[in-house]
Amino acid sequence: MKNKFGVLIIGSMLLQASCVLAVEDSTVDSNQQISMYTWIEVEGIENGRIKFDVLTGTIVDAETTITFAQIPDQICGTPVIAIGSLAFEGCDQLQKVVIPEEVSYIGDLAFANCGSLNVIYFPGNKDQWEVVASAASLSKATAVECDILAN
């Protein structure tokens, strides 16, 4: 059992260090560990950075200057499967979010106080969206576009 646990830890560490990202004013290389407390620039996120927990696949925080967020399927080789509670809270310039189908959970108030947010695109169907976003607390003025609205 100890050997399996050791392999799991090593595998997790390799996932954490599998890419190069711009961090603060420096670059994280493949020999450094990326923690969920590190601001990173991610392609598809405009005018700001996010914090990502590679162990859970969760976006945990976002700079309030973000104006558009096309959340990628993966960050550093880790699938993005969740948007944490309050992750985009206060991003009052955020206008549009594109969420990949792999995201299976959106935390409480993930988009709270995002007064400019008017469209969220989710590639699944309406039933999937309702399960994923049950705790997201979106404004009634936010339109949610799903690929299959009939389900």
C-alpha atoms as a PDB file:
ATOM      1  CA  MET A   1       0.000   0.000   0.000  1.00  0.00           C
ATOM      2  CA  LYS A   2       2.856   2.384   0.762  1.00  0.00           C
ATOM      3  CA  ASN A   3       4.278   1.889  -2.736  1.00  0.00           C
ATOM      4  CA  LYS A   4       0.971   2.791  -4.390  1.00  0.00           C
ATOM      5  CA  PHE A   5       0.664   5.885  -2.213  1.00  0.00           C
ATOM      6  CA  GLY A   6       4.229   6.941  -3.054  1.00  0.00           C
ATOM      7  CA  VAL A   7       3.525   6.577  -6.782  1.00  0.00           C
ATOM      8  CA  LEU A   8       0.383   8.694  -6.396  1.00  0.00           C
ATOM      9  CA  ILE A   9       2.342  11.482  -4.681  1.00  0.00           C
ATOM     10  CA  ILE A  10       5.100  11.392  -7.309  1.00  0.00           C
ATOM     11  CA  GLY A  11       2.500  11.409 -10.098  1.00  0.00           C
ATOM     12  CA  SER A  12       0.783  14.422  -8.552  1.00  0.00           C
ATOM     13  CA  MET A  13       4.084  16.269  -8.264  1.00  0.00           C
ATOM     14  CA  LEU A  14       4.855  15.569 -11.910  1.00  0.00           C
ATOM     15  CA  LEU A  15       1.467  16.950 -12.956  1.00  0.00           C
ATOM     16  CA  GLN A  16       2.107  20.087 -10.939  1.00  0.00           C
ATOM     17  CA  ALA A  17       5.373  20.779 -12.690  1.00  0.00           C
ATOM     18  CA  SER A  18       4.576  19.767 -16.242  1.00  0.00           C
ATOM     19  CA  CYS A  19       4.365  23.144 -17.928  1.00  0.00           C
ATOM     20  CA  VAL A  20       5.880  26.582 -18.173  1.00  0.00           C
ATOM     21  CA  LEU A  21       3.700  29.498 -17.075  1.00  0.00           C
ATOM     22  CA  ALA A  22       4.184  33.199 -16.580  1.00  0.00           C
ATOM     23  CA  VAL A  23       4.016  33.859 -12.856  1.00  0.00           C
ATOM     24  CA  GLU A  24       4.217  37.333 -11.355  1.00  0.00           C
ATOM     25  CA  ASP A  25       7.334  38.756 -13.059  1.00  0.00           C
ATOM     26  CA  SER A  26       9.094  35.436 -13.514  1.00  0.00           C
ATOM     27  CA  THR A  27       8.516  32.110 -15.220  1.00  0.00           C
ATOM     28  CA  VAL A  28       7.893  28.767 -13.581  1.00  0.00           C
ATOM     29  CA  ASP A  29       9.954  26.112 -15.306  1.00  0.00           C
ATOM     30  CA  SER A  30       9.293  22.389 -15.403  1.00  0.00           C
ATOM     31  CA  ASN A  31      11.383  21.771 -12.269  1.00  0.00           C
ATOM     32  CA  GLN A  32       9.288  24.018 -10.022  1.00  0.00           C
ATOM     33  CA  GLN A  33       6.025  23.214  -8.305  1.00  0.00           C
ATOM     34  CA  ILE A  34       2.991  25.349  -9.124  1.00  0.00           C
ATOM     35  CA  SER A  35       0.783  25.891  -6.104  1.00  0.00           C
ATOM     36  CA  MET A  36      -2.802  27.102  -5.967  1.00  0.00           C
ATOM     37  CA  TYR A  37      -1.469  30.296  -4.398  1.00  0.00           C
ATOM     38  CA  THR A  38       0.450  31.330  -7.525  1.00  0.00           C
ATOM     39  CA  TRP A  39      -1.057  33.821  -9.983  1.00  0.00           C
ATOM     40  CA  ILE A  40      -0.726  32.403 -13.497  1.00  0.00           C
ATOM     41  CA  GLU A  41      -1.469  33.721 -16.963  1.00  0.00           C
ATOM     42  CA  VAL A  42      -3.607  31.330 -18.963  1.00  0.00           C
ATOM     43  CA  GLU A  43      -4.417  31.563 -22.648  1.00  0.00           C
ATOM     44  CA  GLY A  44      -8.090  32.436 -23.038  1.00  0.00           C
ATOM     45  CA  ILE A  45      -8.243  34.559 -19.878  1.00  0.00           C
ATOM     46  CA  GLU A  46      -8.028  38.214 -20.930  1.00  0.00           C
ATOM     47  CA  ASN A  47      -6.727  41.133 -18.839  1.00  0.00           C
ATOM     48  CA  GLY A  48      -5.940  39.177 -15.697  1.00  0.00           C
ATOM     49  CA  ARG A  49      -4.605  36.028 -14.101  1.00  0.00           C
ATOM     50  CA  ILE A  50      -6.037  33.143 -12.127  1.00  0.00           C
ATOM     51  CA  LYS A  51      -5.014  30.806  -9.342  1.00  0.00           C
ATOM     52  CA  PHE A  52      -5.406  27.105 -10.140  1.00  0.00           C
ATOM     53  CA  ASP A  53      -5.169  24.096  -7.844  1.00  0.00           C
ATOM     54  CA  VAL A  54      -3.536  21.361  -9.943  1.00  0.00           C
ATOM     55  CA  LEU A  55      -4.336  18.700  -7.334  1.00  0.00           C
ATOM     56  CA  THR A  56      -8.101  19.233  -7.602  1.00  0.00           C
ATOM     57  CA  GLY A  57      -8.405  20.757 -11.093  1.00  0.00           C
ATOM     58  CA  THR A  58     -10.105  23.820  -9.610  1.00  0.00           C
ATOM     59  CA  ILE A  59      -9.841  27.496 -10.487  1.00  0.00           C
ATOM     60  CA  VAL A  60      -9.714  29.018  -7.000  1.00  0.00           C
ATOM     61  CA  ASP A  61      -9.321  32.749  -7.631  1.00  0.00           C
ATOM     62  CA  ALA A  62      -9.237  35.340 -10.408  1.00  0.00           C
ATOM     63  CA  GLU A  63      -8.001  38.886 -10.675  1.00  0.00           C
ATOM     64  CA  THR A  64     -10.886  41.341 -10.782  1.00  0.00           C
ATOM     65  CA  THR A  65      -9.520  42.941 -13.975  1.00  0.00           C
ATOM     66  CA  ILE A  66     -10.498  39.959 -16.161  1.00  0.00           C
ATOM     67  CA  THR A  67     -12.840  40.963 -19.008  1.00  0.00           C
ATOM     68  CA  PHE A  68     -13.277  37.636 -20.855  1.00  0.00           C
ATOM     69  CA  ALA A  69     -12.698  34.075 -19.668  1.00  0.00           C
ATOM     70  CA  GLN A  70     -12.527  31.161 -22.047  1.00  0.00           C
ATOM     71  CA  ILE A  71     -11.643  28.538 -19.514  1.00  0.00           C
ATOM     72  CA  PRO A  72      -9.341  25.925 -21.057  1.00  0.00           C
ATOM     73  CA  ASP A  73      -9.959  22.176 -20.887  1.00  0.00           C
ATOM     74  CA  GLN A  74      -6.595  21.770 -19.154  1.00  0.00           C
ATOM     75  CA  ILE A  75      -4.044  23.850 -17.300  1.00  0.00           C
ATOM     76  CA  CYS A  76      -0.540  22.395 -17.014  1.00  0.00           C
ATOM     77  CA  GLY A  77      -1.851  19.043 -18.208  1.00  0.00           C
ATOM     78  CA  THR A  78      -4.471  18.917 -15.453  1.00  0.00           C
ATOM     79  CA  PRO A  79      -8.122  18.865 -16.550  1.00  0.00           C
ATOM     80  CA  VAL A  80     -10.131  21.856 -15.325  1.00  0.00           C
ATOM     81  CA  ILE A  81     -13.098  20.218 -13.607  1.00  0.00           C
ATOM     82  CA  ALA A  82     -14.301  22.892 -11.184  1.00  0.00           C
ATOM     83  CA  ILE A  83     -14.634  26.603 -10.575  1.00  0.00           C
ATOM     84  CA  GLY A  84     -14.318  27.199  -6.859  1.00  0.00           C
ATOM     85  CA  SER A  85     -16.526  29.209  -4.554  1.00  0.00           C
ATOM     86  CA  LEU A  86     -16.055  32.956  -5.067  1.00  0.00           C
ATOM     87  CA  ALA A  87     -13.423  32.253  -7.765  1.00  0.00           C
ATOM     88  CA  PHE A  88     -14.500  35.127 -10.062  1.00  0.00           C
ATOM     89  CA  GLU A  89     -16.241  37.140  -7.329  1.00  0.00           C
ATOM     90  CA  GLY A  90     -15.930  40.875  -7.896  1.00  0.00           C
ATOM     91  CA  CYS A  91     -14.797  40.633 -11.531  1.00  0.00           C
ATOM     92  CA  ASP A  92     -17.025  43.562 -12.401  1.00  0.00           C
ATOM     93  CA  GLN A  93     -15.507  43.958 -15.892  1.00  0.00           C
ATOM     94  CA  LEU A  94     -16.083  40.302 -16.821  1.00  0.00           C
ATOM     95  CA  GLN A  95     -18.553  40.194 -19.736  1.00  0.00           C
ATOM     96  CA  LYS A  96     -18.439  36.654 -21.107  1.00  0.00           C
ATOM     97  CA  VAL A  97     -17.389  33.238 -19.815  1.00  0.00           C
ATOM     98  CA  VAL A  98     -16.923  30.074 -21.853  1.00  0.00           C
ATOM     99  CA  ILE A  99     -16.898  26.975 -19.649  1.00  0.00           C
ATOM    100  CA  PRO A 100     -15.649  23.627 -21.008  1.00  0.00           C
ATOM    101  CA  GLU A 101     -17.919  20.591 -20.722  1.00  0.00           C
ATOM    102  CA  GLU A 102     -15.356  18.914 -18.444  1.00  0.00           C
ATOM    103  CA  VAL A 103     -16.293  21.330 -15.642  1.00  0.00           C
ATOM    104  CA  SER A 104     -18.622  19.368 -13.401  1.00  0.00           C
ATOM    105  CA  TYR A 105     -18.936  21.809 -10.510  1.00  0.00           C
ATOM    106  CA  ILE A 106     -19.230  25.558 -10.009  1.00  0.00           C
ATOM    107  CA  GLY A 107     -18.949  26.656  -6.384  1.00  0.00           C
ATOM    108  CA  ASP A 108     -21.084  28.973  -4.309  1.00  0.00           C
ATOM    109  CA  LEU A 109     -21.117  32.544  -5.573  1.00  0.00           C
ATOM    110  CA  ALA A 110     -18.398  31.779  -8.134  1.00  0.00           C
ATOM    111  CA  PHE A 111     -19.560  34.746 -10.228  1.00  0.00           C
ATOM    112  CA  ALA A 112     -20.941  36.960  -7.457  1.00  0.00           C
ATOM    113  CA  ASN A 113     -20.727  40.708  -8.036  1.00  0.00           C
ATOM    114  CA  CYS A 114     -19.873  40.331 -11.722  1.00  0.00           C
ATOM    115  CA  GLY A 115     -22.166  43.159 -12.788  1.00  0.00           C
ATOM    116  CA  SER A 116     -21.052  43.191 -16.440  1.00  0.00           C
ATOM    117  CA  LEU A 117     -21.396  39.422 -16.954  1.00  0.00           C
ATOM    118  CA  ASN A 118     -24.107  38.959 -19.551  1.00  0.00           C
ATOM    119  CA  VAL A 119     -23.309  35.620 -21.253  1.00  0.00           C
ATOM    120  CA  ILE A 120     -22.035  32.254 -20.074  1.00  0.00           C
ATOM    121  CA  TYR A 121     -21.506  29.604 -22.737  1.00  0.00           C
ATOM    122  CA  PHE A 122     -21.568  25.947 -21.663  1.00  0.00           C
ATOM    123  CA  PRO A 123     -21.279  23.203 -24.329  1.00  0.00           C
ATOM    124  CA  GLY A 124     -23.450  20.690 -22.479  1.00  0.00           C
ATOM    125  CA  ASN A 125     -27.226  20.607 -22.292  1.00  0.00           C
ATOM    126  CA  LYS A 126     -29.533  22.561 -19.996  1.00  0.00           C
ATOM    127  CA  ASP A 127     -29.931  19.695 -17.511  1.00  0.00           C
ATOM    128  CA  GLN A 128     -26.149  19.338 -17.216  1.00  0.00           C
ATOM    129  CA  TRP A 129     -25.830  23.093 -16.690  1.00  0.00           C
ATOM    130  CA  GLU A 130     -28.399  23.078 -13.886  1.00  0.00           C
ATOM    131  CA  VAL A 131     -26.427  20.390 -12.041  1.00  0.00           C
ATOM    132  CA  VAL A 132     -23.069  22.087 -12.640  1.00  0.00           C
ATOM    133  CA  ALA A 133     -24.211  25.587 -11.712  1.00  0.00           C
ATOM    134  CA  SER A 134     -26.727  24.887  -8.954  1.00  0.00           C
ATOM    135  CA  ALA A 135     -24.688  26.912  -6.440  1.00  0.00           C
ATOM    136  CA  ALA A 136     -23.222  29.554  -8.782  1.00  0.00           C
ATOM    137  CA  SER A 137     -25.752  32.269  -7.878  1.00  0.00           C
ATOM    138  CA  LEU A 138     -25.920  34.001 -11.255  1.00  0.00           C
ATOM    139  CA  SER A 139     -27.726  37.233 -11.939  1.00  0.00           C
ATOM    140  CA  LYS A 140     -31.063  36.867 -13.739  1.00  0.00           C
ATOM    141  CA  ALA A 141     -29.649  39.183 -16.390  1.00  0.00           C
ATOM    142  CA  THR A 142     -26.949  36.626 -17.251  1.00  0.00           C
ATOM    143  CA  ALA A 143     -27.891  34.555 -20.294  1.00  0.00           C
ATOM    144  CA  VAL A 144     -26.690  30.962 -20.321  1.00  0.00           C
ATOM    145  CA  GLU A 145     -26.198  29.443 -23.744  1.00  0.00           C
ATOM    146  CA  CYS A 146     -26.036  25.650 -23.964  1.00  0.00           C
ATOM    147  CA  ASP A 147     -25.459  23.524 -27.066  1.00  0.00           C
ATOM    148  CA  ILE A 148     -28.629  21.496 -26.554  1.00  0.00           C
ATOM    149  CA  LEU A 149     -31.404  23.524 -24.969  1.00  0.00           C
ATOM    150  CA  ALA A 150     -34.145  20.939 -25.588  1.00  0.00           C
ATOM    151  CA  ASN A 151     -32.975  18.479 -22.908  1.00  0.00           C
END
